[in-house]
Protein backbone atom coordinates (compact mmCIF):
# COMPACT_ATOMS: atom_id res chain seq x y z
CA MET A 1 -10.64 13.31 14.87
CA HIS A 2 -9.00 12.07 17.92
CA PRO A 3 -7.45 8.42 18.20
CA ASP A 4 -9.98 7.77 21.18
CA ASP A 5 -13.01 8.30 18.67
CA LEU A 6 -12.00 5.04 16.76
CA ALA A 7 -11.62 3.02 20.03
CA MET A 8 -14.83 1.04 20.06
CA PRO A 9 -14.46 -2.55 18.30
CA SER A 10 -17.13 -3.01 15.54
CA GLY A 11 -20.35 -4.48 16.62
CA TRP A 12 -21.62 -5.29 13.03
CA GLY A 13 -18.69 -6.58 11.50
CA ARG A 14 -15.75 -9.21 11.93
CA ILE A 15 -12.75 -9.95 9.63
CA ALA A 16 -12.60 -12.82 7.62
CA VAL A 17 -9.56 -14.02 5.67
CA HIS A 18 -8.98 -16.92 3.16
CA TYR A 19 -5.13 -17.00 3.56
CA ASP A 20 -2.60 -19.38 1.66
CA ILE A 21 -1.75 -21.76 4.29
CA ASP A 22 1.71 -22.40 2.59
CA LYS A 23 2.81 -18.68 3.49
CA TRP A 24 0.53 -17.79 6.29
CA MET A 25 -0.39 -18.99 10.01
CA SER A 26 -3.16 -18.10 12.18
CA CYS A 27 -2.60 -16.57 15.53
CA PRO A 28 -5.89 -17.09 17.16
CA PRO A 29 -6.81 -14.92 20.32
CA GLU A 30 -8.49 -17.99 21.94
CA PHE A 31 -7.70 -21.91 21.65
CA PRO A 32 -10.35 -24.91 21.60
CA PRO A 33 -10.40 -27.15 24.39
CA GLY A 34 -6.96 -29.21 24.80
CA TYR A 35 -4.96 -26.26 23.44
CA ASP A 36 -2.98 -23.38 24.82
CA VAL A 37 -0.47 -20.97 23.72
CA ARG A 38 2.73 -23.25 24.24
CA SER A 39 0.85 -26.37 22.48
CA TRP A 40 -0.40 -24.23 19.64
CA ALA A 41 3.04 -22.76 18.96
CA ARG A 42 4.70 -25.95 18.96
CA THR A 43 2.16 -27.78 16.58
CA TYR A 44 2.68 -24.82 14.09
CA ALA A 45 6.40 -24.62 14.40
CA ASP A 46 6.80 -28.27 13.85
CA ALA A 47 4.47 -28.54 10.91
CA PHE A 48 6.33 -25.33 9.21
CA CYS A 49 9.67 -26.69 9.95
CA HIS A 50 8.88 -30.25 8.63
CA ARG A 51 8.15 -29.15 4.97
CA PRO A 52 9.34 -31.11 2.09
CA GLY A 53 13.10 -31.16 1.67
CA LEU A 54 13.79 -29.68 5.19
CA THR A 55 15.36 -31.48 7.96
CA PRO A 56 14.86 -29.07 10.88
CA THR A 57 16.97 -29.55 14.39
CA ASP A 58 15.30 -29.56 17.50
CA ASP A 59 16.80 -26.03 18.11
CA LEU A 60 15.01 -24.66 14.91
CA VAL A 61 11.64 -26.08 15.95
CA SER A 62 11.94 -24.90 19.41
CA GLY A 63 13.20 -21.33 18.43
CA LEU A 64 10.30 -20.88 15.97
CA ALA A 65 7.70 -21.96 18.64
CA ALA A 66 9.24 -19.59 21.19
CA ARG A 67 8.93 -16.57 18.71
CA LEU A 68 5.26 -17.68 18.03
CA ALA A 69 4.43 -17.72 21.62
CA GLU A 70 6.03 -14.29 21.98
CA ILE A 71 3.95 -12.89 18.86
CA HIS A 72 0.80 -14.08 20.60
CA ALA A 73 1.62 -12.34 23.85
CA ASP A 74 2.42 -9.09 21.85
CA ALA A 75 -0.95 -9.33 19.85
CA TYR A 76 -3.23 -10.45 22.78
CA GLY A 77 -1.60 -10.27 26.10
CA GLY A 78 -2.62 -7.16 28.01
CA ARG A 79 -3.69 -5.64 24.67
CA ARG A 80 -0.33 -3.67 24.07
CA ILE A 81 -1.38 -3.72 20.21
CA GLU A 82 -4.90 -2.92 19.26
CA CYS A 83 -5.37 -5.99 17.17
CA HIS A 84 -8.47 -8.12 16.75
CA LEU A 85 -6.77 -10.77 14.49
CA CYS A 86 -3.06 -11.59 13.89
CA LEU A 87 -1.81 -13.61 10.85
CA ILE A 88 1.81 -14.59 10.49
CA TYR A 89 3.68 -14.54 7.46
CA GLN A 90 6.03 -17.63 7.40
CA PRO A 91 6.83 -18.74 3.91
CA ASP A 92 9.88 -20.09 5.00
CA PRO A 93 10.95 -21.56 8.57
CA LEU A 94 14.51 -20.34 8.01
CA VAL A 95 13.57 -16.63 8.39
CA SER A 96 11.94 -14.81 11.06
CA PRO A 97 8.08 -14.73 11.33
CA LEU A 98 6.49 -11.59 10.45
CA PRO A 99 3.18 -10.62 12.36
CA VAL A 100 0.51 -8.82 10.38
CA TYR A 101 -2.47 -7.23 12.81
CA LEU A 102 -5.98 -6.61 11.83
CA SER A 103 -8.69 -4.78 13.68
CA ALA A 104 -12.21 -3.77 12.86
CA TRP A 105 -13.57 -0.72 14.44
CA GLU A 106 -16.84 1.06 14.63
CA SER A 107 -17.17 3.56 11.83
CA ARG A 108 -16.95 7.21 13.20
CA GLY A 109 -16.81 10.67 11.61
CA ASP A 110 -15.73 11.51 8.40
CA ARG A 111 -14.41 8.41 6.05
CA ASP A 112 -11.42 10.15 4.71
CA GLU A 113 -10.22 11.72 8.14
CA ALA A 114 -10.91 8.18 9.74
CA LEU A 115 -9.00 6.33 7.40
CA ARG A 116 -6.08 8.73 7.36
CA LEU A 117 -5.94 8.36 11.26
CA LEU A 118 -5.95 4.58 11.07
CA SER A 119 -3.41 4.23 8.48
CA HIS A 120 -0.96 6.72 10.21
CA ALA A 121 -0.99 8.88 7.07
CA ASP A 122 -0.19 11.89 9.09
CA ASN A 123 2.19 10.19 11.50
CA PRO A 124 4.46 12.97 13.14
CA ALA A 125 7.08 10.37 14.09
CA ALA A 126 7.72 9.75 10.56
CA ILE A 127 11.48 10.86 9.52
CA GLN A 128 10.11 11.84 6.04
CA PRO A 129 6.84 12.20 4.14
CA PRO A 130 4.87 8.81 4.55
CA TYR A 131 4.39 7.08 1.19
CA ILE A 132 0.32 7.47 0.61
CA THR A 133 -1.58 5.57 -2.13
CA GLU A 134 -4.88 4.70 -2.64
CA PHE A 135 -5.11 0.82 -2.42
CA THR A 136 -7.88 -1.30 -4.32
CA ALA A 137 -8.59 -4.92 -2.84
CA ASP A 138 -11.03 -7.49 -4.44
CA ARG A 139 -13.32 -7.77 -1.61
CA LEU A 140 -12.94 -4.66 0.40
CA GLY A 141 -12.95 -1.96 -2.39
CA THR A 142 -10.56 1.16 -2.27
CA GLY A 143 -8.91 2.38 0.97
CA LEU A 144 -5.53 3.92 1.75
CA LYS A 145 -2.12 2.16 2.00
CA VAL A 146 0.69 3.88 3.65
CA LEU A 147 4.18 3.11 4.22
CA TYR A 148 6.21 5.42 6.59
CA TYR A 149 9.43 5.23 8.48
CA ALA A 150 10.48 6.23 12.10
CA ARG A 151 13.04 6.08 14.80
CA HIS A 152 12.71 3.46 17.40
CA PRO A 153 11.32 4.96 20.53
CA ARG A 154 14.02 3.17 22.61
CA SER A 155 16.99 3.50 20.01
CA GLU A 156 17.64 6.52 18.08
CA SER A 157 20.06 4.69 15.83
CA THR A 158 17.36 2.13 14.96
CA VAL A 159 14.84 2.73 12.13
CA TYR A 160 11.75 0.73 11.90
CA ALA A 161 8.87 0.63 9.16
CA GLY A 162 5.31 0.82 9.53
CA LEU A 163 3.09 -0.58 6.77
CA ASN A 164 -0.74 0.24 7.36
CA TYR A 165 -3.78 -0.31 5.35
CA ALA A 166 -7.35 1.02 5.89
CA TRP A 167 -10.98 0.55 4.59
CA ARG A 168 -14.56 1.66 5.44
CA MET A 169 -17.17 -0.89 5.01
CA PRO A 170 -20.26 1.40 5.08
CA ASP A 171 -22.85 -1.58 4.86
CA LEU A 172 -21.40 -2.81 8.32
CA ALA A 173 -20.44 0.29 9.78
CA THR A 174 -17.03 -0.92 10.38
CA ASP A 175 -13.41 0.17 9.50
CA LEU A 176 -10.64 -2.22 8.90
CA ARG A 177 -7.22 -1.56 9.84
CA VAL A 178 -4.03 -3.74 8.90
CA PHE A 179 -0.75 -3.08 9.95
CA VAL A 180 2.80 -4.17 10.24
CA THR A 181 5.80 -2.65 12.12
CA THR A 182 9.13 -4.09 11.89
CA THR A 183 12.72 -3.03 12.28
CA ASP A 184 13.75 -5.56 9.36
CA LEU A 185 13.43 -3.13 6.53
CA GLY A 186 14.48 -5.86 4.04
CA ARG A 187 12.15 -8.39 5.19
CA LEU A 188 9.19 -6.11 4.75
CA GLU A 189 9.94 -5.01 1.14
CA GLN A 190 10.34 -8.65 0.55
CA ALA A 191 6.86 -9.72 2.05
CA MET A 192 5.10 -6.71 0.92
CA PRO A 193 3.55 -8.29 -2.46
CA ASP A 194 2.08 -11.23 -0.34
CA ILE A 195 0.71 -8.90 2.17
CA ASP A 196 -0.77 -6.73 -0.74
CA GLU A 197 -2.02 -9.99 -1.96
CA LEU A 198 -3.54 -11.09 1.55
CA MET A 199 -5.52 -7.74 1.43
CA ASN A 200 -7.33 -9.42 -1.60
CA VAL A 201 -8.49 -12.32 0.13
CA THR A 202 -9.43 -10.26 3.37
CA THR A 203 -13.08 -9.06 4.17
CA ILE A 204 -15.56 -8.01 6.64
CA VAL A 205 -18.62 -10.34 6.99
CA PRO A 206 -21.74 -9.69 9.50
CA ARG A 207 -21.18 -10.57 12.88
CA VAL A 208 -23.16 -13.47 14.40
CA ALA A 209 -24.69 -12.68 17.79
């Protein structure tokens, strides 16, 4: 199966996530009237920095707001990342936010082959065999979870990690991919239990016309 075979967004299912607002923030592709990327980023940065026991500086708030705006641009600006929804892992405003990308595609071809493609289970760039496991989530059933390491395309001395999950939801003819890439390997290791838990509150629901 060629990657282009999975390039059609699902017309039957959409992503729904009941995330923990103490750990996650929504990075929506569009905003309601009166909001834009800048106001959204500043509002969320201010709220996450002013948690009980914290006395943030203006530089901390401004720095987080700038990073949130950058994540939004990466996720949706020019479609550099094939993502339909982005959630940002931010349990502590003093550490760098970690974007998690979700996409819902029209199911095509053989299930196992499609899930391996979506999860990058056979990524030729991996510097060692990827760690591939079956992963069962509460509302999605059993899919694949793949963790691999590769060299950054712009810096041979830099290694990044790719964490991918993939499911097929046959009732809605939809394949779900969830993925994270980062050069901060320790940050991903620390976040992985909460990302696993996020999968338990993620599902595909019928798309309303």
